[in-house]
């Protein structure tokens, strides 16, 4: 299978005035990450453009993974399912409508990709053989998170009349469209 090539996005030059302390923090972080300050700023702005401004509309809270994992371990699986079904039938749609103006397969998958890339809820992998799409979400949050994701994804796609085939383990969820 050929390796997918990255598509280059168009860039433009902009000039901004920023707080001196913010500039120093950006330069230190860029050095620590071994990237240019320009690259780091672009990554931060892209995260805002692609995720944070829409996540704010659904009152997203950023919390450490250890706190998140601890909460998940304390919840009974029937409650996990209840929350997943309730939120999966509303939050992804709000995000998709805010971002693209419509709720379709691609806008929902874009939400899942963004959740992987920017919220770090799982790793997102996709294969498409022309007849079906296989999406695998790999995580380190245990079986309750897999249970949540299965019911969340099911509720999310039911809103547009799609019933994906789902499989799960304690560290991953795979669904086929």
N, C-alpha and C. Protein backbone atom coordinates (compact mmCIF):
# COMPACT_ATOMS: atom_id res chain seq x y z
N UNK A 1 0.84 -1.17 0.00
CA UNK A 1 0.00 0.00 0.00
C UNK A 1 0.89 1.24 0.00
N UNK A 2 0.66 2.20 -0.91
CA UNK A 2 1.50 3.39 -0.96
C UNK A 2 1.31 4.26 0.29
N UNK A 3 2.36 4.93 0.67
CA UNK A 3 2.30 5.84 1.80
C UNK A 3 1.58 7.12 1.39
N UNK A 4 0.57 7.56 2.19
CA UNK A 4 -0.11 8.79 1.82
C UNK A 4 0.83 9.98 1.93
N UNK A 5 0.75 10.87 0.97
CA UNK A 5 1.60 12.05 0.99
C UNK A 5 0.87 13.19 1.66
N UNK A 6 1.59 13.97 2.43
CA UNK A 6 1.00 15.14 3.06
C UNK A 6 0.72 16.18 2.00
N UNK A 7 -0.45 16.76 2.09
CA UNK A 7 -0.76 17.85 1.18
C UNK A 7 -0.29 19.14 1.85
N UNK A 8 0.36 19.94 1.07
CA UNK A 8 0.86 21.21 1.59
C UNK A 8 -0.25 22.24 1.57
N UNK A 9 -0.43 22.87 2.70
CA UNK A 9 -1.45 23.91 2.76
C UNK A 9 -0.83 25.25 2.41
N UNK A 10 -1.64 26.11 1.89
CA UNK A 10 -1.18 27.44 1.53
C UNK A 10 -0.92 28.24 2.80
N UNK A 11 0.19 28.95 2.83
CA UNK A 11 0.50 29.79 3.98
C UNK A 11 0.51 31.25 3.53
N UNK A 12 0.27 32.12 4.49
CA UNK A 12 0.32 33.56 4.24
C UNK A 12 1.13 34.22 5.35
N UNK A 13 1.70 35.35 5.05
CA UNK A 13 2.46 36.09 6.06
C UNK A 13 1.54 37.02 6.82
N UNK A 14 1.69 37.02 8.13
CA UNK A 14 0.94 37.92 9.01
C UNK A 14 1.90 38.48 10.04
N UNK A 15 1.58 39.62 10.55
CA UNK A 15 2.40 40.23 11.59
C UNK A 15 1.51 40.51 12.79
N UNK A 16 1.96 40.09 13.99
CA UNK A 16 1.18 40.28 15.20
C UNK A 16 2.05 40.89 16.28
N UNK A 17 1.43 41.64 17.17
CA UNK A 17 2.11 42.11 18.36
C UNK A 17 1.63 41.21 19.49
N UNK A 18 2.58 40.61 20.24
CA UNK A 18 2.19 39.74 21.34
C UNK A 18 2.93 40.13 22.61
N UNK A 19 2.39 39.72 23.71
CA UNK A 19 2.95 39.97 25.02
C UNK A 19 4.37 39.42 25.08
N UNK A 20 5.29 40.16 25.69
CA UNK A 20 6.69 39.74 25.75
C UNK A 20 6.87 38.40 26.46
N UNK A 21 6.15 38.20 27.56
CA UNK A 21 6.27 36.94 28.30
C UNK A 21 5.76 35.78 27.44
N UNK A 22 4.71 36.00 26.68
CA UNK A 22 4.19 34.95 25.79
C UNK A 22 5.22 34.63 24.72
N UNK A 23 5.86 35.65 24.19
CA UNK A 23 6.88 35.43 23.17
C UNK A 23 8.04 34.61 23.71
N UNK A 24 8.48 34.95 24.92
CA UNK A 24 9.59 34.20 25.54
C UNK A 24 9.19 32.75 25.78
N UNK A 25 7.96 32.53 26.25
CA UNK A 25 7.48 31.16 26.49
C UNK A 25 7.42 30.38 25.17
N UNK A 26 6.96 31.02 24.12
CA UNK A 26 6.91 30.36 22.81
C UNK A 26 8.30 29.97 22.33
N UNK A 27 9.26 30.88 22.48
CA UNK A 27 10.62 30.59 22.04
C UNK A 27 11.24 29.45 22.85
N UNK A 28 11.01 29.43 24.17
CA UNK A 28 11.53 28.34 25.01
C UNK A 28 10.90 27.01 24.61
N UNK A 29 9.59 27.01 24.40
CA UNK A 29 8.90 25.77 24.05
C UNK A 29 9.32 25.29 22.67
N UNK A 30 9.47 26.20 21.73
CA UNK A 30 9.91 25.82 20.38
C UNK A 30 11.29 25.19 20.44
N UNK A 31 12.18 25.76 21.22
CA UNK A 31 13.53 25.20 21.37
C UNK A 31 13.45 23.80 21.99
N UNK A 32 12.62 23.65 23.02
CA UNK A 32 12.49 22.35 23.69
C UNK A 32 11.92 21.30 22.74
N UNK A 33 11.02 21.71 21.85
CA UNK A 33 10.41 20.79 20.90
C UNK A 33 11.23 20.62 19.63
N UNK A 34 12.30 21.40 19.51
CA UNK A 34 13.16 21.37 18.32
C UNK A 34 12.40 21.73 17.04
N UNK A 35 11.57 22.77 17.15
CA UNK A 35 10.86 23.31 15.99
C UNK A 35 11.05 24.82 16.00
N UNK A 36 10.75 25.44 14.90
CA UNK A 36 10.85 26.91 14.86
C UNK A 36 9.68 27.52 15.63
N UNK A 37 9.88 28.74 16.10
CA UNK A 37 8.81 29.44 16.77
C UNK A 37 7.63 29.62 15.82
N UNK A 38 7.91 29.86 14.56
CA UNK A 38 6.86 29.99 13.55
C UNK A 38 6.02 28.72 13.47
N UNK A 39 6.68 27.55 13.46
CA UNK A 39 5.96 26.27 13.40
C UNK A 39 5.09 26.09 14.63
N UNK A 40 5.63 26.39 15.80
CA UNK A 40 4.87 26.25 17.03
C UNK A 40 3.65 27.17 17.04
N UNK A 41 3.83 28.42 16.67
CA UNK A 41 2.71 29.36 16.63
C UNK A 41 1.66 28.88 15.63
N UNK A 42 2.09 28.37 14.48
CA UNK A 42 1.14 27.86 13.49
C UNK A 42 0.35 26.67 14.06
N UNK A 43 1.03 25.78 14.79
CA UNK A 43 0.33 24.64 15.41
C UNK A 43 -0.71 25.11 16.42
N UNK A 44 -0.35 26.10 17.21
CA UNK A 44 -1.27 26.63 18.22
C UNK A 44 -2.47 27.29 17.54
N UNK A 45 -2.22 28.08 16.52
CA UNK A 45 -3.32 28.74 15.81
C UNK A 45 -4.21 27.73 15.09
N UNK A 46 -3.60 26.69 14.54
CA UNK A 46 -4.38 25.65 13.86
C UNK A 46 -5.27 24.91 14.85
N UNK A 47 -4.76 24.62 16.04
CA UNK A 47 -5.58 23.98 17.07
C UNK A 47 -6.77 24.86 17.43
N UNK A 48 -6.55 26.15 17.54
CA UNK A 48 -7.65 27.07 17.82
C UNK A 48 -8.64 27.07 16.66
N UNK A 49 -8.14 27.18 15.44
CA UNK A 49 -9.01 27.26 14.26
C UNK A 49 -9.80 25.98 14.03
N UNK A 50 -9.17 24.83 14.26
CA UNK A 50 -9.80 23.54 13.96
C UNK A 50 -10.60 22.95 15.11
N UNK A 51 -10.27 23.32 16.36
CA UNK A 51 -10.92 22.64 17.48
C UNK A 51 -11.37 23.57 18.60
N UNK A 52 -10.46 24.32 19.20
CA UNK A 52 -10.78 25.05 20.43
C UNK A 52 -11.97 25.99 20.31
N UNK A 53 -12.08 26.71 19.22
CA UNK A 53 -13.19 27.66 19.11
C UNK A 53 -14.54 26.96 19.01
N UNK A 54 -14.57 25.73 18.47
CA UNK A 54 -15.81 24.96 18.40
C UNK A 54 -16.04 24.22 19.72
N UNK A 55 -14.97 23.72 20.32
CA UNK A 55 -15.07 23.01 21.59
C UNK A 55 -15.61 23.93 22.68
N UNK A 56 -15.28 25.19 22.60
CA UNK A 56 -15.77 26.16 23.58
C UNK A 56 -17.30 26.23 23.54
N UNK A 57 -17.89 26.05 22.37
CA UNK A 57 -19.35 26.13 22.22
C UNK A 57 -20.08 24.98 22.89
N UNK A 58 -19.37 23.88 23.15
CA UNK A 58 -19.97 22.75 23.87
C UNK A 58 -19.36 22.62 25.27
N UNK A 59 -18.79 23.72 25.75
CA UNK A 59 -18.23 23.81 27.11
C UNK A 59 -17.22 22.73 27.43
N UNK A 60 -16.27 22.52 26.53
CA UNK A 60 -15.22 21.53 26.73
C UNK A 60 -14.30 21.97 27.87
N UNK A 61 -13.93 21.00 28.69
CA UNK A 61 -13.03 21.24 29.81
C UNK A 61 -11.76 20.46 29.57
N UNK A 62 -10.61 21.09 29.75
CA UNK A 62 -9.34 20.39 29.63
C UNK A 62 -8.93 19.89 31.01
N UNK A 63 -8.63 18.59 31.09
CA UNK A 63 -8.27 17.97 32.36
C UNK A 63 -7.14 16.97 32.09
N UNK A 64 -6.31 16.73 33.09
CA UNK A 64 -5.19 15.81 32.90
C UNK A 64 -5.70 14.39 32.66
N UNK A 65 -4.93 13.62 31.91
CA UNK A 65 -5.34 12.25 31.60
C UNK A 65 -5.43 11.39 32.85
N UNK A 66 -4.61 11.65 33.86
CA UNK A 66 -4.69 10.84 35.08
C UNK A 66 -5.99 11.11 35.85
N UNK A 67 -6.45 12.34 35.87
CA UNK A 67 -7.74 12.65 36.49
C UNK A 67 -8.86 12.00 35.70
N UNK A 68 -8.81 12.13 34.39
CA UNK A 68 -9.81 11.55 33.52
C UNK A 68 -9.90 10.04 33.72
N UNK A 69 -8.76 9.37 33.70
CA UNK A 69 -8.70 7.92 33.89
C UNK A 69 -9.26 7.53 35.26
N UNK A 70 -8.91 8.29 36.31
CA UNK A 70 -9.41 8.01 37.66
C UNK A 70 -10.93 8.12 37.73
N UNK A 71 -11.50 9.13 37.11
CA UNK A 71 -12.96 9.26 37.06
C UNK A 71 -13.58 8.05 36.36
N UNK A 72 -13.03 7.70 35.23
CA UNK A 72 -13.58 6.57 34.46
C UNK A 72 -13.57 5.27 35.27
N UNK A 73 -12.52 5.06 36.04
CA UNK A 73 -12.40 3.84 36.83
C UNK A 73 -13.45 3.75 37.94
N UNK A 74 -13.99 4.89 38.35
CA UNK A 74 -14.95 4.92 39.46
C UNK A 74 -16.41 4.80 39.03
N UNK A 75 -16.68 4.86 37.76
CA UNK A 75 -18.05 4.90 37.26
C UNK A 75 -18.51 3.51 36.85
N UNK A 76 -19.74 3.18 37.22
CA UNK A 76 -20.35 1.91 36.80
C UNK A 76 -20.61 1.95 35.31
N UNK A 77 -20.42 0.82 34.63
CA UNK A 77 -20.55 0.79 33.17
C UNK A 77 -21.93 1.18 32.68
N UNK A 78 -23.00 0.90 33.44
CA UNK A 78 -24.34 1.31 33.00
C UNK A 78 -24.47 2.83 32.97
N UNK A 79 -23.81 3.52 33.89
CA UNK A 79 -23.80 5.00 33.90
C UNK A 79 -22.96 5.54 32.74
N UNK A 80 -21.86 4.86 32.45
CA UNK A 80 -21.02 5.24 31.32
C UNK A 80 -21.85 5.19 30.04
N UNK A 81 -22.60 4.13 29.85
CA UNK A 81 -23.44 3.97 28.66
C UNK A 81 -24.51 5.06 28.60
N UNK A 82 -25.13 5.34 29.72
CA UNK A 82 -26.17 6.38 29.79
C UNK A 82 -25.62 7.75 29.36
N UNK A 83 -24.46 8.10 29.89
CA UNK A 83 -23.84 9.38 29.54
C UNK A 83 -23.41 9.40 28.07
N UNK A 84 -22.85 8.31 27.60
CA UNK A 84 -22.38 8.23 26.21
C UNK A 84 -23.54 8.40 25.23
N UNK A 85 -24.64 7.74 25.50
CA UNK A 85 -25.79 7.84 24.59
C UNK A 85 -26.39 9.24 24.59
N UNK A 86 -26.48 9.85 25.76
CA UNK A 86 -27.04 11.20 25.85
C UNK A 86 -26.15 12.23 25.17
N UNK A 87 -24.86 12.16 25.42
CA UNK A 87 -23.95 13.16 24.85
C UNK A 87 -23.60 12.88 23.40
N UNK A 88 -23.55 11.60 23.04
CA UNK A 88 -23.23 11.24 21.65
C UNK A 88 -24.30 11.64 20.66
N UNK A 89 -25.50 11.88 21.16
CA UNK A 89 -26.58 12.29 20.26
C UNK A 89 -26.73 13.81 20.19
N UNK A 90 -25.82 14.53 20.85
CA UNK A 90 -25.94 16.00 20.79
C UNK A 90 -24.61 16.73 20.56
N UNK A 91 -23.58 16.41 21.31
CA UNK A 91 -22.33 17.17 21.24
C UNK A 91 -21.66 17.10 19.87
N UNK A 92 -21.50 15.91 19.27
CA UNK A 92 -20.85 15.88 17.95
C UNK A 92 -21.63 16.68 16.89
N UNK A 93 -22.95 16.67 16.98
CA UNK A 93 -23.76 17.42 16.03
C UNK A 93 -23.56 18.92 16.20
N UNK A 94 -23.52 19.37 17.45
CA UNK A 94 -23.28 20.79 17.71
C UNK A 94 -21.93 21.21 17.17
N UNK A 95 -20.92 20.40 17.41
CA UNK A 95 -19.57 20.68 16.92
C UNK A 95 -19.57 20.73 15.38
N UNK A 96 -20.18 19.72 14.74
CA UNK A 96 -20.20 19.64 13.27
C UNK A 96 -20.94 20.84 12.67
N UNK A 97 -22.08 21.19 13.23
CA UNK A 97 -22.84 22.33 12.71
C UNK A 97 -22.06 23.63 12.89
N UNK A 98 -21.42 23.77 14.05
CA UNK A 98 -20.62 24.98 14.30
C UNK A 98 -19.48 25.11 13.30
N UNK A 99 -18.88 23.98 12.96
CA UNK A 99 -17.69 24.01 12.11
C UNK A 99 -18.02 24.02 10.63
N UNK A 100 -18.93 23.15 10.20
CA UNK A 100 -19.16 23.03 8.75
C UNK A 100 -20.57 23.39 8.31
N UNK A 101 -21.46 23.60 9.27
CA UNK A 101 -22.82 23.98 8.92
C UNK A 101 -23.73 22.81 8.60
N UNK A 102 -23.20 21.57 8.72
CA UNK A 102 -24.03 20.41 8.43
C UNK A 102 -23.53 19.19 9.19
N UNK A 103 -24.47 18.26 9.39
CA UNK A 103 -24.15 17.02 10.08
C UNK A 103 -24.26 15.90 9.06
N UNK A 104 -23.10 15.47 8.58
CA UNK A 104 -22.98 14.37 7.62
C UNK A 104 -21.82 13.50 8.07
N UNK A 105 -21.64 12.38 7.41
CA UNK A 105 -20.57 11.45 7.80
C UNK A 105 -19.23 12.16 7.92
N UNK A 106 -18.85 12.95 6.92
CA UNK A 106 -17.54 13.60 6.94
C UNK A 106 -17.39 14.60 8.08
N UNK A 107 -18.44 15.36 8.38
CA UNK A 107 -18.32 16.33 9.48
C UNK A 107 -18.22 15.62 10.83
N UNK A 108 -18.89 14.47 10.97
CA UNK A 108 -18.78 13.71 12.21
C UNK A 108 -17.40 13.06 12.32
N UNK A 109 -16.88 12.55 11.23
CA UNK A 109 -15.52 11.99 11.26
C UNK A 109 -14.49 13.08 11.53
N UNK A 110 -14.72 14.27 11.00
CA UNK A 110 -13.83 15.39 11.28
C UNK A 110 -13.82 15.69 12.79
N UNK A 111 -14.98 15.60 13.41
CA UNK A 111 -15.07 15.79 14.86
C UNK A 111 -14.25 14.71 15.60
N UNK A 112 -14.36 13.46 15.17
CA UNK A 112 -13.61 12.38 15.80
C UNK A 112 -12.11 12.59 15.60
N UNK A 113 -11.71 12.97 14.38
CA UNK A 113 -10.28 13.25 14.11
C UNK A 113 -9.77 14.38 15.00
N UNK A 114 -10.55 15.44 15.09
CA UNK A 114 -10.15 16.60 15.92
C UNK A 114 -10.07 16.20 17.39
N UNK A 115 -10.98 15.35 17.84
CA UNK A 115 -10.93 14.88 19.22
C UNK A 115 -9.66 14.08 19.49
N UNK A 116 -9.21 13.37 18.48
CA UNK A 116 -7.96 12.62 18.61
C UNK A 116 -6.76 13.57 18.61
N UNK A 117 -6.73 14.45 17.64
CA UNK A 117 -5.57 15.31 17.46
C UNK A 117 -5.43 16.37 18.55
N UNK A 118 -6.53 16.99 18.95
CA UNK A 118 -6.44 18.13 19.84
C UNK A 118 -6.88 17.85 21.28
N UNK A 119 -7.81 16.91 21.49
CA UNK A 119 -8.25 16.60 22.85
C UNK A 119 -7.51 15.38 23.40
N UNK A 120 -6.78 14.68 22.53
CA UNK A 120 -5.95 13.54 22.93
C UNK A 120 -6.77 12.42 23.62
N UNK A 121 -7.99 12.21 23.11
CA UNK A 121 -8.86 11.19 23.69
C UNK A 121 -8.54 9.80 23.18
N UNK A 122 -7.86 9.72 22.05
CA UNK A 122 -7.46 8.46 21.44
C UNK A 122 -6.59 8.79 20.25
N UNK A 123 -5.95 7.77 19.69
CA UNK A 123 -5.25 7.90 18.41
C UNK A 123 -6.24 7.50 17.34
N UNK A 124 -6.25 8.20 16.24
CA UNK A 124 -7.19 7.96 15.14
C UNK A 124 -6.45 7.34 13.96
N UNK A 125 -6.94 6.19 13.51
CA UNK A 125 -6.38 5.55 12.32
C UNK A 125 -7.55 5.21 11.40
N UNK A 126 -7.36 5.44 10.10
CA UNK A 126 -8.43 5.18 9.15
C UNK A 126 -7.87 4.48 7.92
N UNK A 127 -8.60 3.47 7.46
CA UNK A 127 -8.30 2.84 6.17
C UNK A 127 -9.59 2.84 5.36
N UNK A 128 -9.45 3.00 4.09
CA UNK A 128 -10.59 3.06 3.18
C UNK A 128 -10.24 2.22 1.96
N UNK A 129 -11.00 1.16 1.74
CA UNK A 129 -10.73 0.30 0.59
C UNK A 129 -11.67 0.60 -0.58
N UNK A 130 -12.37 1.72 -0.51
CA UNK A 130 -13.30 2.10 -1.57
C UNK A 130 -14.71 1.60 -1.33
N UNK A 131 -14.87 0.55 -0.55
CA UNK A 131 -16.19 0.02 -0.24
C UNK A 131 -16.58 0.27 1.21
N UNK A 132 -15.59 0.34 2.07
CA UNK A 132 -15.87 0.57 3.48
C UNK A 132 -14.71 1.32 4.12
N UNK A 133 -15.03 2.02 5.18
CA UNK A 133 -14.02 2.75 5.94
C UNK A 133 -13.91 2.10 7.30
N UNK A 134 -12.68 1.82 7.68
CA UNK A 134 -12.40 1.21 8.97
C UNK A 134 -11.68 2.24 9.82
N UNK A 135 -12.29 2.63 10.93
CA UNK A 135 -11.70 3.61 11.83
C UNK A 135 -11.34 2.91 13.13
N UNK A 136 -10.10 3.05 13.55
CA UNK A 136 -9.64 2.47 14.81
C UNK A 136 -9.20 3.59 15.73
N UNK A 137 -9.73 3.56 16.94
CA UNK A 137 -9.41 4.55 17.97
C UNK A 137 -8.68 3.81 19.09
N UNK A 138 -7.42 4.12 19.29
CA UNK A 138 -6.60 3.45 20.29
C UNK A 138 -6.39 4.42 21.46
N UNK A 139 -6.53 3.91 22.68
CA UNK A 139 -6.43 4.78 23.86
C UNK A 139 -5.79 4.02 25.01
N UNK A 140 -5.57 4.74 26.10
CA UNK A 140 -4.97 4.16 27.30
C UNK A 140 -5.83 4.47 28.53
N UNK A 141 -7.17 4.48 28.35
CA UNK A 141 -8.07 4.86 29.43
C UNK A 141 -8.91 3.71 29.97
N UNK A 142 -8.68 2.49 29.52
CA UNK A 142 -9.36 1.33 30.09
C UNK A 142 -10.69 0.99 29.44
N UNK A 143 -11.30 -0.07 29.96
CA UNK A 143 -12.51 -0.60 29.34
C UNK A 143 -13.71 0.33 29.43
N UNK A 144 -13.83 1.11 30.50
CA UNK A 144 -14.97 2.04 30.57
C UNK A 144 -14.91 3.09 29.46
N UNK A 145 -13.70 3.49 29.08
CA UNK A 145 -13.58 4.45 27.98
C UNK A 145 -13.99 3.78 26.66
N UNK A 146 -13.59 2.54 26.46
CA UNK A 146 -14.02 1.82 25.26
C UNK A 146 -15.53 1.69 25.22
N UNK A 147 -16.13 1.36 26.36
CA UNK A 147 -17.60 1.26 26.44
C UNK A 147 -18.22 2.60 26.09
N UNK A 148 -17.68 3.67 26.67
CA UNK A 148 -18.19 5.02 26.37
C UNK A 148 -18.10 5.29 24.87
N UNK A 149 -16.94 5.08 24.29
CA UNK A 149 -16.72 5.41 22.87
C UNK A 149 -17.67 4.61 21.98
N UNK A 150 -17.87 3.33 22.26
CA UNK A 150 -18.78 2.51 21.45
C UNK A 150 -20.18 3.11 21.45
N UNK A 151 -20.69 3.46 22.60
CA UNK A 151 -22.06 3.99 22.69
C UNK A 151 -22.15 5.42 22.20
N UNK A 152 -21.10 6.18 22.38
CA UNK A 152 -21.04 7.56 21.89
C UNK A 152 -21.06 7.58 20.35
N UNK A 153 -20.20 6.77 19.75
CA UNK A 153 -20.13 6.69 18.29
C UNK A 153 -21.45 6.17 17.72
N UNK A 154 -22.03 5.17 18.36
CA UNK A 154 -23.32 4.64 17.91
C UNK A 154 -24.37 5.73 17.92
N UNK A 155 -24.49 6.46 19.02
CA UNK A 155 -25.48 7.54 19.13
C UNK A 155 -25.19 8.65 18.14
N UNK A 156 -23.92 8.97 17.95
CA UNK A 156 -23.52 10.03 17.03
C UNK A 156 -23.98 9.73 15.61
N UNK A 157 -23.71 8.52 15.14
CA UNK A 157 -24.07 8.17 13.77
C UNK A 157 -25.55 7.85 13.60
N UNK A 158 -26.23 7.42 14.66
CA UNK A 158 -27.67 7.17 14.57
C UNK A 158 -28.41 8.45 14.18
N UNK A 159 -27.88 9.59 14.57
CA UNK A 159 -28.51 10.87 14.26
C UNK A 159 -28.61 11.11 12.76
N UNK A 160 -27.75 10.45 11.99
CA UNK A 160 -27.82 10.61 10.52
C UNK A 160 -28.19 9.30 9.84
N UNK A 161 -28.73 8.37 10.61
CA UNK A 161 -29.24 7.13 10.04
C UNK A 161 -28.21 6.09 9.67
N UNK A 162 -27.04 6.14 10.30
CA UNK A 162 -25.98 5.17 10.03
C UNK A 162 -25.75 4.32 11.28
N UNK A 163 -25.63 3.02 11.08
CA UNK A 163 -25.34 2.10 12.18
C UNK A 163 -24.00 1.43 11.91
N UNK A 164 -22.91 2.00 12.43
CA UNK A 164 -21.60 1.40 12.18
C UNK A 164 -21.46 0.06 12.90
N UNK A 165 -20.66 -0.80 12.32
CA UNK A 165 -20.30 -2.06 12.97
C UNK A 165 -19.15 -1.73 13.92
N UNK A 166 -19.29 -2.10 15.20
CA UNK A 166 -18.29 -1.75 16.20
C UNK A 166 -17.70 -2.97 16.88
N UNK A 167 -16.42 -2.87 17.20
CA UNK A 167 -15.70 -3.87 17.99
C UNK A 167 -14.86 -3.11 19.00
N UNK A 168 -14.66 -3.72 20.17
CA UNK A 168 -13.86 -3.03 21.19
C UNK A 168 -13.00 -3.99 21.98
N UNK A 169 -11.96 -3.41 22.55
CA UNK A 169 -11.15 -4.08 23.56
C UNK A 169 -10.98 -3.06 24.68
N UNK A 170 -10.22 -3.38 25.69
CA UNK A 170 -10.04 -2.40 26.78
C UNK A 170 -9.15 -1.22 26.37
N UNK A 171 -8.51 -1.30 25.17
CA UNK A 171 -7.63 -0.22 24.72
C UNK A 171 -7.96 0.31 23.35
N UNK A 172 -9.04 -0.19 22.73
CA UNK A 172 -9.36 0.31 21.39
C UNK A 172 -10.82 0.09 21.04
N UNK A 173 -11.26 0.89 20.09
CA UNK A 173 -12.59 0.74 19.49
C UNK A 173 -12.38 0.83 17.99
N UNK A 174 -12.99 -0.10 17.27
CA UNK A 174 -12.93 -0.09 15.81
C UNK A 174 -14.34 -0.04 15.29
N UNK A 175 -14.58 0.85 14.34
CA UNK A 175 -15.91 0.88 13.72
C UNK A 175 -15.77 0.96 12.21
N UNK A 176 -16.74 0.34 11.55
CA UNK A 176 -16.75 0.25 10.11
C UNK A 176 -17.95 1.00 9.57
N UNK A 177 -17.71 1.83 8.58
CA UNK A 177 -18.79 2.58 7.91
C UNK A 177 -18.91 2.08 6.48
